[in-house]
Amino acid sequence: MLSLSQGHVLVFPPAFDTHSYNLIKEVNGADNIIEISEEDCVDNFVPNAIPVHDGDKHYVVGMAFSPELHKKLTDLGYEVLITPYQEFRKSGGSIRCSVLDIGI
């Protein structure tokens, strides 16, 4: 699961039991839920992407995105930035694992 800067949440539903998934929809609003595919979750590590908000710009930085998710995010006003992280993934992590969020 990944919360984005405009209130959307990327969710891979099979990762949650029904009760938990319903709570996620209730807390975030069903219209803000973007369900991602197994490809985006397992292969592309999208839940480990980094959401960035700078003024009126909203970015999602990640290793890879399926064409469908890339289009959906773009249509919602996000700029999708892809950075090569395939080698780092071999250690079991992705881009999120190399960021120190200090909340500025």
C-alpha atoms as a PDB file:
ATOM      1  CA  MET A   1       0.000   0.000   0.000  1.00  0.00           C
ATOM      2  CA  LEU A   2       1.280   3.462  -0.870  1.00  0.00           C
ATOM      3  CA  SER A   3      -0.324   6.818  -0.041  1.00  0.00           C
ATOM      4  CA  LEU A   4       0.141   9.426  -2.773  1.00  0.00           C
ATOM      5  CA  SER A   5       0.285  13.201  -2.511  1.00  0.00           C
ATOM      6  CA  GLN A   6      -3.202  13.933  -3.870  1.00  0.00           C
ATOM      7  CA  GLY A   7      -4.975  11.593  -1.454  1.00  0.00           C
ATOM      8  CA  HIS A   8      -4.938   8.499  -3.633  1.00  0.00           C
ATOM      9  CA  VAL A   9      -3.788   5.162  -2.260  1.00  0.00           C
ATOM     10  CA  LEU A  10      -2.214   2.368  -4.293  1.00  0.00           C
ATOM     11  CA  VAL A  11      -3.412  -0.990  -2.976  1.00  0.00           C
ATOM     12  CA  PHE A  12      -2.852  -4.614  -3.968  1.00  0.00           C
ATOM     13  CA  PRO A  13      -6.140  -6.110  -2.661  1.00  0.00           C
ATOM     14  CA  PRO A  14      -4.954  -9.749  -2.285  1.00  0.00           C
ATOM     15  CA  ALA A  15      -2.442  -8.541   0.315  1.00  0.00           C
ATOM     16  CA  PHE A  16      -5.316  -7.807   2.734  1.00  0.00           C
ATOM     17  CA  ASP A  17      -8.175  -9.775   4.211  1.00  0.00           C
ATOM     18  CA  THR A  18     -11.675  -8.485   3.400  1.00  0.00           C
ATOM     19  CA  HIS A  19     -12.129  -6.642   6.694  1.00  0.00           C
ATOM     20  CA  SER A  20      -8.772  -4.847   6.400  1.00  0.00           C
ATOM     21  CA  TYR A  21      -9.367  -3.888   2.766  1.00  0.00           C
ATOM     22  CA  ASN A  22     -12.799  -2.499   3.652  1.00  0.00           C
ATOM     23  CA  LEU A  23     -11.196  -0.415   6.425  1.00  0.00           C
ATOM     24  CA  ILE A  24      -8.657   0.959   3.959  1.00  0.00           C
ATOM     25  CA  LYS A  25     -11.501   1.998   1.642  1.00  0.00           C
ATOM     26  CA  GLU A  26     -13.481   3.486   4.528  1.00  0.00           C
ATOM     27  CA  VAL A  27     -10.584   5.532   5.887  1.00  0.00           C
ATOM     28  CA  ASN A  28      -9.301   6.764   2.512  1.00  0.00           C
ATOM     29  CA  GLY A  29     -12.549   6.891   0.551  1.00  0.00           C
ATOM     30  CA  ALA A  30     -13.331   4.253  -2.056  1.00  0.00           C
ATOM     31  CA  ASP A  31     -12.883   6.800  -4.870  1.00  0.00           C
ATOM     32  CA  ASN A  32      -9.269   7.363  -3.794  1.00  0.00           C
ATOM     33  CA  ILE A  33      -8.284   3.688  -3.994  1.00  0.00           C
ATOM     34  CA  ILE A  34      -6.218   2.647  -7.004  1.00  0.00           C
ATOM     35  CA  GLU A  35      -5.985  -1.125  -7.178  1.00  0.00           C
ATOM     36  CA  ILE A  36      -2.682  -2.311  -8.585  1.00  0.00           C
ATOM     37  CA  SER A  37      -1.906  -5.565 -10.355  1.00  0.00           C
ATOM     38  CA  GLU A  38       0.263  -8.405  -9.142  1.00  0.00           C
ATOM     39  CA  GLU A  39       2.821  -7.328 -11.743  1.00  0.00           C
ATOM     40  CA  ASP A  40       3.007  -3.843 -10.248  1.00  0.00           C
ATOM     41  CA  CYS A  41       3.148  -5.157  -6.701  1.00  0.00           C
ATOM     42  CA  VAL A  42       5.483  -8.143  -6.986  1.00  0.00           C
ATOM     43  CA  ASP A  43       7.559  -7.464 -10.100  1.00  0.00           C
ATOM     44  CA  ASN A  44       7.692  -3.667 -10.150  1.00  0.00           C
ATOM     45  CA  PHE A  45       7.706  -3.031  -6.367  1.00  0.00           C
ATOM     46  CA  VAL A  46       5.291  -0.111  -6.867  1.00  0.00           C
ATOM     47  CA  PRO A  47       4.315   0.014  -3.166  1.00  0.00           C
ATOM     48  CA  ASN A  48       7.981   0.948  -2.573  1.00  0.00           C
ATOM     49  CA  ALA A  49       7.752   3.967  -4.888  1.00  0.00           C
ATOM     50  CA  ILE A  50       8.263   7.481  -3.543  1.00  0.00           C
ATOM     51  CA  PRO A  51       5.478  10.069  -3.741  1.00  0.00           C
ATOM     52  CA  VAL A  52       6.773  13.637  -4.014  1.00  0.00           C
ATOM     53  CA  HIS A  53       4.786  16.871  -3.871  1.00  0.00           C
ATOM     54  CA  ASP A  54       6.445  20.141  -4.899  1.00  0.00           C
ATOM     55  CA  GLY A  55       4.116  23.111  -5.158  1.00  0.00           C
ATOM     56  CA  ASP A  56       1.428  22.180  -7.644  1.00  0.00           C
ATOM     57  CA  LYS A  57       3.435  19.246  -9.036  1.00  0.00           C
ATOM     58  CA  HIS A  58       2.807  15.665  -7.932  1.00  0.00           C
ATOM     59  CA  TYR A  59       5.308  12.929  -8.739  1.00  0.00           C
ATOM     60  CA  VAL A  60       5.567   9.194  -8.225  1.00  0.00           C
ATOM     61  CA  VAL A  61       9.158   7.940  -8.457  1.00  0.00           C
ATOM     62  CA  GLY A  62       9.703   4.227  -8.898  1.00  0.00           C
ATOM     63  CA  MET A  63      11.608   1.448 -10.554  1.00  0.00           C
ATOM     64  CA  ALA A  64       8.910   0.383 -13.047  1.00  0.00           C
ATOM     65  CA  PHE A  65       5.166   0.739 -13.664  1.00  0.00           C
ATOM     66  CA  SER A  66       2.844  -1.257 -15.894  1.00  0.00           C
ATOM     67  CA  PRO A  67       1.527   0.741 -18.879  1.00  0.00           C
ATOM     68  CA  GLU A  68      -1.974   0.613 -17.361  1.00  0.00           C
ATOM     69  CA  LEU A  69      -0.903   2.026 -13.993  1.00  0.00           C
ATOM     70  CA  HIS A  70       1.371   4.596 -15.635  1.00  0.00           C
ATOM     71  CA  LYS A  71      -1.600   5.876 -17.683  1.00  0.00           C
ATOM     72  CA  LYS A  72      -3.940   5.887 -14.702  1.00  0.00           C
ATOM     73  CA  LEU A  73      -1.494   7.896 -12.593  1.00  0.00           C
ATOM     74  CA  THR A  74      -0.816  10.320 -15.436  1.00  0.00           C
ATOM     75  CA  ASP A  75      -4.554  10.777 -16.009  1.00  0.00           C
ATOM     76  CA  LEU A  76      -4.923  11.654 -12.305  1.00  0.00           C
ATOM     77  CA  GLY A  77      -2.292  14.380 -12.622  1.00  0.00           C
ATOM     78  CA  TYR A  78       0.825  12.602 -11.383  1.00  0.00           C
ATOM     79  CA  GLU A  79       4.105  12.727 -13.244  1.00  0.00           C
ATOM     80  CA  VAL A  80       5.584   9.237 -13.212  1.00  0.00           C
ATOM     81  CA  LEU A  81       9.375   9.158 -12.977  1.00  0.00           C
ATOM     82  CA  ILE A  82      11.216   5.898 -13.585  1.00  0.00           C
ATOM     83  CA  THR A  83      14.672   5.343 -12.159  1.00  0.00           C
ATOM     84  CA  PRO A  84      16.788   2.226 -12.798  1.00  0.00           C
ATOM     85  CA  TYR A  85      16.824   0.225  -9.573  1.00  0.00           C
ATOM     86  CA  GLN A  86      16.796  -3.361 -10.816  1.00  0.00           C
ATOM     87  CA  GLU A  87      20.229  -4.168  -9.356  1.00  0.00           C
ATOM     88  CA  PHE A  88      19.278  -2.848  -5.921  1.00  0.00           C
ATOM     89  CA  ARG A  89      16.142  -5.012  -6.026  1.00  0.00           C
ATOM     90  CA  LYS A  90      18.341  -8.107  -5.901  1.00  0.00           C
ATOM     91  CA  SER A  91      18.979  -7.264  -2.244  1.00  0.00           C
ATOM     92  CA  GLY A  92      15.245  -7.467  -1.545  1.00  0.00           C
ATOM     93  CA  GLY A  93      14.409  -3.776  -1.585  1.00  0.00           C
ATOM     94  CA  SER A  94      13.616  -0.940  -3.903  1.00  0.00           C
ATOM     95  CA  ILE A  95      13.803   2.828  -4.070  1.00  0.00           C
ATOM     96  CA  ARG A  96      11.985   3.386  -0.761  1.00  0.00           C
ATOM     97  CA  CYS A  97      14.745   1.492   1.039  1.00  0.00           C
ATOM     98  CA  SER A  98      17.318   4.093   0.008  1.00  0.00           C
ATOM     99  CA  VAL A  99      15.424   7.161   1.220  1.00  0.00           C
ATOM    100  CA  LEU A 100      15.615   8.799   4.618  1.00  0.00           C
ATOM    101  CA  ASP A 101      12.311  10.637   5.077  1.00  0.00           C
ATOM    102  CA  ILE A 102      12.880  13.498   7.491  1.00  0.00           C
ATOM    103  CA  GLY A 103       9.439  15.022   7.018  1.00  0.00           C
ATOM    104  CA  ILE A 104      10.449  18.408   5.656  1.00  0.00           C
END
